[in-house]
Each structure stands twice: as structure tokens, then as C-alpha cells.
Amino acid sequence: MQSKLTLRLDESLIKQAKIFAKQHDKSLSQVVADYFQLLTKGVESPEPPQITKSLIGVIKDVDEDDYKRHLEEKYL
């Protein structure tokens, strides 16, 4: 059973959401429903982009003290 839901959002956000829905051949209601389903499945965030995945593990042998020293040299 479907029910009506009223949302109050900034007008510019609504316009952007409508454009997004149209580009993906979906209704705005379907976009919102899809997003709510993701939230209720416990999905915290989408999979990281490929460029981010490729960087995982690149820097090894760096401990917290090295990082703190780098920040002190950079900003102090």
C-alpha cells in the first residue's frame, strides 16, 4: 500500500532532484523510495570510486608519529 508523504525542501534542491530523476528515467517519488530503501538496508556509503580503491595500501610504513611530524612541519 502506498501512502502520500509531504516533504519541505529548498526549492533549488527540488529542482536538482527533479532533473536527476528525469535523467534516470524515474519519478521523484521513486528516487526518494530508492534512497530510503538504501538507508534501511544499513548501507552506510556507496562503494568508493576506482581511483580511491587504487590508492588503498599505497603508503605503508607510516605511523601516527610520522604523520604528526609532517603536519607540524607543514603548518607550524
PDB file of N, CA and C in Angstrom:
ATOM      1  N   MET A   1       0.841  -1.188   0.000  1.00  0.00           N
ATOM      2  CA  MET A   1       0.000   0.000   0.000  1.00  0.00           C
ATOM      3  C   MET A   1       0.880   1.244   0.000  1.00  0.00           C
ATOM      4  N   GLN A   2       0.617   2.147  -0.881  1.00  0.00           N
ATOM      5  CA  GLN A   2       1.383   3.389  -0.937  1.00  0.00           C
ATOM      6  C   GLN A   2       0.636   4.485  -0.208  1.00  0.00           C
ATOM      7  N   SER A   3       1.408   5.355   0.446  1.00  0.00           N
ATOM      8  CA  SER A   3       0.840   6.499   1.153  1.00  0.00           C
ATOM      9  C   SER A   3       1.510   7.762   0.663  1.00  0.00           C
ATOM     10  N   LYS A   4       0.833   8.859   0.845  1.00  0.00           N
ATOM     11  CA  LYS A   4       1.357  10.159   0.442  1.00  0.00           C
ATOM     12  C   LYS A   4       2.286  10.681   1.537  1.00  0.00           C
ATOM     13  N   LEU A   5       3.383  11.328   1.113  1.00  0.00           N
ATOM     14  CA  LEU A   5       4.347  11.912   2.033  1.00  0.00           C
ATOM     15  C   LEU A   5       4.639  13.332   1.564  1.00  0.00           C
ATOM     16  N   THR A   6       4.581  14.274   2.471  1.00  0.00           N
ATOM     17  CA  THR A   6       4.892  15.658   2.132  1.00  0.00           C
ATOM     18  C   THR A   6       6.261  16.001   2.701  1.00  0.00           C
ATOM     19  N   LEU A   7       7.133  16.507   1.844  1.00  0.00           N
ATOM     20  CA  LEU A   7       8.470  16.934   2.263  1.00  0.00           C
ATOM     21  C   LEU A   7       8.608  18.427   2.012  1.00  0.00           C
ATOM     22  N   ARG A   8       9.264  19.095   2.910  1.00  0.00           N
ATOM     23  CA  ARG A   8       9.549  20.518   2.728  1.00  0.00           C
ATOM     24  C   ARG A   8      11.055  20.660   2.519  1.00  0.00           C
ATOM     25  N   LEU A   9      11.426  21.087   1.307  1.00  0.00           N
ATOM     26  CA  LEU A   9      12.831  21.207   0.933  1.00  0.00           C
ATOM     27  C   LEU A   9      13.059  22.535   0.233  1.00  0.00           C
ATOM     28  N   ASP A  10      14.307  22.935   0.191  1.00  0.00           N
ATOM     29  CA  ASP A  10      14.688  24.143  -0.515  1.00  0.00           C
ATOM     30  C   ASP A  10      14.319  23.992  -1.998  1.00  0.00           C
ATOM     31  N   GLU A  11      13.800  25.040  -2.575  1.00  0.00           N
ATOM     32  CA  GLU A  11      13.322  24.998  -3.956  1.00  0.00           C
ATOM     33  C   GLU A  11      14.412  24.578  -4.935  1.00  0.00           C
ATOM     34  N   SER A  12      15.626  25.057  -4.731  1.00  0.00           N
ATOM     35  CA  SER A  12      16.712  24.690  -5.654  1.00  0.00           C
ATOM     36  C   SER A  12      17.039  23.204  -5.540  1.00  0.00           C
ATOM     37  N   LEU A  13      16.938  22.637  -4.359  1.00  0.00           N
ATOM     38  CA  LEU A  13      17.175  21.208  -4.177  1.00  0.00           C
ATOM     39  C   LEU A  13      16.101  20.392  -4.895  1.00  0.00           C
ATOM     40  N   ILE A  14      14.884  20.843  -4.812  1.00  0.00           N
ATOM     41  CA  ILE A  14      13.785  20.159  -5.504  1.00  0.00           C
ATOM     42  C   ILE A  14      14.026  20.164  -7.016  1.00  0.00           C
ATOM     43  N   LYS A  15      14.450  21.304  -7.552  1.00  0.00           N
ATOM     44  CA  LYS A  15      14.727  21.391  -8.984  1.00  0.00           C
ATOM     45  C   LYS A  15      15.836  20.420  -9.383  1.00  0.00           C
ATOM     46  N   GLN A  16      16.894  20.377  -8.582  1.00  0.00           N
ATOM     47  CA  GLN A  16      18.001  19.463  -8.872  1.00  0.00           C
ATOM     48  C   GLN A  16      17.538  18.012  -8.805  1.00  0.00           C
ATOM     49  N   ALA A  17      16.719  17.687  -7.826  1.00  0.00           N
ATOM     50  CA  ALA A  17      16.218  16.328  -7.673  1.00  0.00           C
ATOM     51  C   ALA A  17      15.341  15.933  -8.856  1.00  0.00           C
ATOM     52  N   LYS A  18      14.522  16.854  -9.334  1.00  0.00           N
ATOM     53  CA  LYS A  18      13.677  16.565 -10.494  1.00  0.00           C
ATOM     54  C   LYS A  18      14.521  16.320 -11.738  1.00  0.00           C
ATOM     55  N   ILE A  19      15.577  17.093 -11.913  1.00  0.00           N
ATOM     56  CA  ILE A  19      16.484  16.894 -13.045  1.00  0.00           C
ATOM     57  C   ILE A  19      17.145  15.520 -12.946  1.00  0.00           C
ATOM     58  N   PHE A  20      17.610  15.178 -11.762  1.00  0.00           N
ATOM     59  CA  PHE A  20      18.232  13.874 -11.544  1.00  0.00           C
ATOM     60  C   PHE A  20      17.256  12.746 -11.887  1.00  0.00           C
ATOM     61  N   ALA A  21      16.029  12.855 -11.392  1.00  0.00           N
ATOM     62  CA  ALA A  21      15.025  11.822 -11.636  1.00  0.00           C
ATOM     63  C   ALA A  21      14.755  11.678 -13.139  1.00  0.00           C
ATOM     64  N   LYS A  22      14.641  12.795 -13.818  1.00  0.00           N
ATOM     65  CA  LYS A  22      14.371  12.758 -15.260  1.00  0.00           C
ATOM     66  C   LYS A  22      15.534  12.121 -16.014  1.00  0.00           C
ATOM     67  N   GLN A  23      16.765  12.446 -15.623  1.00  0.00           N
ATOM     68  CA  GLN A  23      17.940  11.880 -16.286  1.00  0.00           C
ATOM     69  C   GLN A  23      18.017  10.368 -16.101  1.00  0.00           C
ATOM     70  N   HIS A  24      17.448   9.871 -15.010  1.00  0.00           N
ATOM     71  CA  HIS A  24      17.492   8.440 -14.727  1.00  0.00           C
ATOM     72  C   HIS A  24      16.159   7.745 -15.028  1.00  0.00           C
ATOM     73  N   ASP A  25      15.310   8.424 -15.762  1.00  0.00           N
ATOM     74  CA  ASP A  25      14.003   7.881 -16.160  1.00  0.00           C
ATOM     75  C   ASP A  25      13.216   7.332 -14.973  1.00  0.00           C
ATOM     76  N   LYS A  26      13.169   8.110 -13.910  1.00  0.00           N
ATOM     77  CA  LYS A  26      12.421   7.732 -12.711  1.00  0.00           C
ATOM     78  C   LYS A  26      11.569   8.910 -12.263  1.00  0.00           C
ATOM     79  N   SER A  27      10.560   8.604 -11.489  1.00  0.00           N
ATOM     80  CA  SER A  27       9.794   9.679 -10.856  1.00  0.00           C
ATOM     81  C   SER A  27      10.571  10.125  -9.620  1.00  0.00           C
ATOM     82  N   LEU A  28      10.279  11.311  -9.169  1.00  0.00           N
ATOM     83  CA  LEU A  28      10.925  11.801  -7.957  1.00  0.00           C
ATOM     84  C   LEU A  28      10.547  10.918  -6.769  1.00  0.00           C
ATOM     85  N   SER A  29       9.330  10.443  -6.750  1.00  0.00           N
ATOM     86  CA  SER A  29       8.900   9.527  -5.684  1.00  0.00           C
ATOM     87  C   SER A  29       9.738   8.250  -5.688  1.00  0.00           C
ATOM     88  N   GLN A  30      10.051   7.737  -6.873  1.00  0.00           N
ATOM     89  CA  GLN A  30      10.852   6.518  -6.958  1.00  0.00           C
ATOM     90  C   GLN A  30      12.282   6.768  -6.493  1.00  0.00           C
ATOM     91  N   VAL A  31      12.843   7.930  -6.814  1.00  0.00           N
ATOM     92  CA  VAL A  31      14.191   8.269  -6.366  1.00  0.00           C
ATOM     93  C   VAL A  31      14.229   8.315  -4.840  1.00  0.00           C
ATOM     94  N   VAL A  32      13.246   8.952  -4.238  1.00  0.00           N
ATOM     95  CA  VAL A  32      13.188   9.042  -2.777  1.00  0.00           C
ATOM     96  C   VAL A  32      12.995   7.650  -2.174  1.00  0.00           C
ATOM     97  N   ALA A  33      12.119   6.846  -2.751  1.00  0.00           N
ATOM     98  CA  ALA A  33      11.877   5.489  -2.249  1.00  0.00           C
ATOM     99  C   ALA A  33      13.155   4.644  -2.342  1.00  0.00           C
ATOM    100  N   ASP A  34      13.865   4.752  -3.461  1.00  0.00           N
ATOM    101  CA  ASP A  34      15.123   4.013  -3.622  1.00  0.00           C
ATOM    102  C   ASP A  34      16.125   4.413  -2.547  1.00  0.00           C
ATOM    103  N   TYR A  35      16.212   5.708  -2.285  1.00  0.00           N
ATOM    104  CA  TYR A  35      17.153   6.193  -1.277  1.00  0.00           C
ATOM    105  C   TYR A  35      16.765   5.690   0.120  1.00  0.00           C
ATOM    106  N   PHE A  36      15.494   5.741   0.434  1.00  0.00           N
ATOM    107  CA  PHE A  36      15.049   5.253   1.735  1.00  0.00           C
ATOM    108  C   PHE A  36      15.326   3.762   1.884  1.00  0.00           C
ATOM    109  N   GLN A  37      15.172   2.996   0.802  1.00  0.00           N
ATOM    110  CA  GLN A  37      15.494   1.568   0.867  1.00  0.00           C
ATOM    111  C   GLN A  37      16.969   1.350   1.162  1.00  0.00           C
ATOM    112  N   LEU A  38      17.828   2.153   0.552  1.00  0.00           N
ATOM    113  CA  LEU A  38      19.253   2.050   0.849  1.00  0.00           C
ATOM    114  C   LEU A  38      19.533   2.339   2.324  1.00  0.00           C
ATOM    115  N   LEU A  39      18.888   3.355   2.846  1.00  0.00           N
ATOM    116  CA  LEU A  39      19.096   3.706   4.253  1.00  0.00           C
ATOM    117  C   LEU A  39      18.660   2.587   5.183  1.00  0.00           C
ATOM    118  N   THR A  40      17.553   1.962   4.883  1.00  0.00           N
ATOM    119  CA  THR A  40      17.036   0.938   5.780  1.00  0.00           C
ATOM    120  C   THR A  40      17.776  -0.381   5.650  1.00  0.00           C
ATOM    121  N   LYS A  41      18.545  -0.563   4.589  1.00  0.00           N
ATOM    122  CA  LYS A  41      19.359  -1.773   4.441  1.00  0.00           C
ATOM    123  C   LYS A  41      20.668  -1.658   5.206  1.00  0.00           C
ATOM    124  N   GLY A  42      20.914  -0.519   5.824  1.00  0.00           N
ATOM    125  CA  GLY A  42      22.139  -0.343   6.598  1.00  0.00           C
ATOM    126  C   GLY A  42      23.343   0.003   5.752  1.00  0.00           C
ATOM    127  N   VAL A  43      23.118   0.398   4.519  1.00  0.00           N
ATOM    128  CA  VAL A  43      24.230   0.790   3.662  1.00  0.00           C
ATOM    129  C   VAL A  43      24.701   2.156   4.125  1.00  0.00           C
ATOM    130  N   GLU A  44      25.946   2.208   4.588  1.00  0.00           N
ATOM    131  CA  GLU A  44      26.458   3.469   5.128  1.00  0.00           C
ATOM    132  C   GLU A  44      26.936   4.415   4.035  1.00  0.00           C
ATOM    133  N   SER A  45      27.563   3.881   3.015  1.00  0.00           N
ATOM    134  CA  SER A  45      28.024   4.740   1.932  1.00  0.00           C
ATOM    135  C   SER A  45      28.215   3.888   0.679  1.00  0.00           C
ATOM    136  N   PRO A  46      28.147   4.524  -0.476  1.00  0.00           N
ATOM    137  CA  PRO A  46      28.370   3.770  -1.706  1.00  0.00           C
ATOM    138  C   PRO A  46      29.818   3.312  -1.796  1.00  0.00           C
ATOM    139  N   GLU A  47      30.075   2.379  -2.677  1.00  0.00           N
ATOM    140  CA  GLU A  47      31.429   1.886  -2.877  1.00  0.00           C
ATOM    141  C   GLU A  47      32.310   3.037  -3.354  1.00  0.00           C
ATOM    142  N   PRO A  48      33.549   3.117  -2.852  1.00  0.00           N
ATOM    143  CA  PRO A  48      34.420   4.225  -3.256  1.00  0.00           C
ATOM    144  C   PRO A  48      34.761   4.144  -4.740  1.00  0.00           C
ATOM    145  N   PRO A  49      35.052   5.290  -5.346  1.00  0.00           N
ATOM    146  CA  PRO A  49      35.428   5.305  -6.766  1.00  0.00           C
ATOM    147  C   PRO A  49      36.694   4.477  -7.006  1.00  0.00           C
ATOM    148  N   GLN A  50      36.890   4.054  -8.241  1.00  0.00           N
ATOM    149  CA  GLN A  50      38.035   3.214  -8.595  1.00  0.00           C
ATOM    150  C   GLN A  50      39.356   3.882  -8.245  1.00  0.00           C
ATOM    151  N   ILE A  51      39.455   5.200  -8.439  1.00  0.00           N
ATOM    152  CA  ILE A  51      40.708   5.895  -8.124  1.00  0.00           C
ATOM    153  C   ILE A  51      41.036   5.775  -6.643  1.00  0.00           C
ATOM    154  N   THR A  52      40.021   5.837  -5.794  1.00  0.00           N
ATOM    155  CA  THR A  52      40.240   5.695  -4.356  1.00  0.00           C
ATOM    156  C   THR A  52      40.668   4.271  -4.027  1.00  0.00           C
ATOM    157  N   LYS A  53      40.014   3.303  -4.634  1.00  0.00           N
ATOM    158  CA  LYS A  53      40.391   1.904  -4.395  1.00  0.00           C
ATOM    159  C   LYS A  53      41.839   1.653  -4.786  1.00  0.00           C
ATOM    160  N   SER A  54      42.277   2.282  -5.879  1.00  0.00           N
ATOM    161  CA  SER A  54      43.638   2.047  -6.352  1.00  0.00           C
ATOM    162  C   SER A  54      44.683   2.620  -5.398  1.00  0.00           C
ATOM    163  N   LEU A  55      44.299   3.555  -4.556  1.00  0.00           N
ATOM    164  CA  LEU A  55      45.248   4.171  -3.623  1.00  0.00           C
ATOM    165  C   LEU A  55      45.335   3.451  -2.285  1.00  0.00           C
ATOM    166  N   ILE A  56      44.393   2.547  -2.029  1.00  0.00           N
ATOM    167  CA  ILE A  56      44.382   1.837  -0.753  1.00  0.00           C
ATOM    168  C   ILE A  56      45.637   0.986  -0.638  1.00  0.00           C
ATOM    169  N   GLY A  57      46.373   1.188   0.451  1.00  0.00           N
ATOM    170  CA  GLY A  57      47.577   0.403   0.709  1.00  0.00           C
ATOM    171  C   GLY A  57      48.829   0.927   0.049  1.00  0.00           C
ATOM    172  N   VAL A  58      48.754   2.054  -0.658  1.00  0.00           N
ATOM    173  CA  VAL A  58      49.926   2.594  -1.344  1.00  0.00           C
ATOM    174  C   VAL A  58      50.990   3.022  -0.345  1.00  0.00           C
ATOM    175  N   ILE A  59      50.567   3.700   0.705  1.00  0.00           N
ATOM    176  CA  ILE A  59      51.516   4.165   1.713  1.00  0.00           C
ATOM    177  C   ILE A  59      51.555   3.153   2.847  1.00  0.00           C
ATOM    178  N   LYS A  60      52.706   2.563   3.021  1.00  0.00           N
ATOM    179  CA  LYS A  60      52.907   1.622   4.114  1.00  0.00           C
ATOM    180  C   LYS A  60      53.957   2.238   5.037  1.00  0.00           C
ATOM    181  N   ASP A  61      54.260   1.659   6.100  1.00  0.00           N
ATOM    182  CA  ASP A  61      55.343   2.096   6.990  1.00  0.00           C
ATOM    183  C   ASP A  61      55.214   3.550   7.420  1.00  0.00           C
ATOM    184  N   VAL A  62      54.023   4.087   7.542  1.00  0.00           N
ATOM    185  CA  VAL A  62      53.823   5.429   8.069  1.00  0.00           C
ATOM    186  C   VAL A  62      53.009   5.273   9.345  1.00  0.00           C
ATOM    187  N   ASP A  63      53.607   5.708  10.443  1.00  0.00           N
ATOM    188  CA  ASP A  63      52.867   5.585  11.704  1.00  0.00           C
ATOM    189  C   ASP A  63      52.329   6.953  12.124  1.00  0.00           C
ATOM    190  N   GLU A  64      51.623   6.971  13.193  1.00  0.00           N
ATOM    191  CA  GLU A  64      50.972   8.196  13.662  1.00  0.00           C
ATOM    192  C   GLU A  64      51.979   9.297  13.964  1.00  0.00           C
ATOM    193  N   ASP A  65      53.132   8.952  14.534  1.00  0.00           N
ATOM    194  CA  ASP A  65      54.153   9.958  14.852  1.00  0.00           C
ATOM    195  C   ASP A  65      54.694  10.618  13.583  1.00  0.00           C
ATOM    196  N   ASP A  66      54.895   9.809  12.533  1.00  0.00           N
ATOM    197  CA  ASP A  66      55.348  10.383  11.255  1.00  0.00           C
ATOM    198  C   ASP A  66      54.330  11.385  10.718  1.00  0.00           C
ATOM    199  N   TYR A  67      53.071  11.017  10.809  1.00  0.00           N
ATOM    200  CA  TYR A  67      52.008  11.886  10.313  1.00  0.00           C
ATOM    201  C   TYR A  67      51.946  13.181  11.112  1.00  0.00           C
ATOM    202  N   LYS A  68      52.040  13.076  12.440  1.00  0.00           N
ATOM    203  CA  LYS A  68      52.024  14.274  13.285  1.00  0.00           C
ATOM    204  C   LYS A  68      53.214  15.172  12.968  1.00  0.00           C
ATOM    205  N   ARG A  69      54.378  14.576  12.772  1.00  0.00           N
ATOM    206  CA  ARG A  69      55.575  15.346  12.443  1.00  0.00           C
ATOM    207  C   ARG A  69      55.366  16.075  11.104  1.00  0.00           C
ATOM    208  N   HIS A  70      54.805  15.395  10.147  1.00  0.00           N
ATOM    209  CA  HIS A  70      54.535  16.010   8.847  1.00  0.00           C
ATOM    210  C   HIS A  70      53.597  17.224   9.005  1.00  0.00           C
ATOM    211  N   LEU A  71      52.534  17.070   9.789  1.00  0.00           N
ATOM    212  CA  LEU A  71      51.609  18.178   9.987  1.00  0.00           C
ATOM    213  C   LEU A  71      52.263  19.354  10.697  1.00  0.00           C
ATOM    214  N   GLU A  72      53.102  19.074  11.685  1.00  0.00           N
ATOM    215  CA  GLU A  72      53.804  20.157  12.395  1.00  0.00           C
ATOM    216  C   GLU A  72      54.730  20.910  11.450  1.00  0.00           C
ATOM    217  N   GLU A  73      55.459  20.177  10.610  1.00  0.00           N
ATOM    218  CA  GLU A  73      56.348  20.833   9.663  1.00  0.00           C
ATOM    219  C   GLU A  73      55.576  21.642   8.623  1.00  0.00           C
ATOM    220  N   LYS A  74      54.436  21.139   8.251  1.00  0.00           N
ATOM    221  CA  LYS A  74      53.659  21.817   7.218  1.00  0.00           C
ATOM    222  C   LYS A  74      52.959  23.070   7.749  1.00  0.00           C
ATOM    223  N   TYR A  75      52.415  22.998   8.963  1.00  0.00           N
ATOM    224  CA  TYR A  75      51.577  24.088   9.438  1.00  0.00           C
ATOM    225  C   TYR A  75      52.179  24.942  10.545  1.00  0.00           C
ATOM    226  N   LEU A  76      53.292  24.543  11.095  1.00  0.00           N
ATOM    227  CA  LEU A  76      53.874  25.360  12.180  1.00  0.00           C
ATOM    228  C   LEU A  76      55.137  26.049  11.743  1.00  0.00           C
TER     229      LEU A  76
END
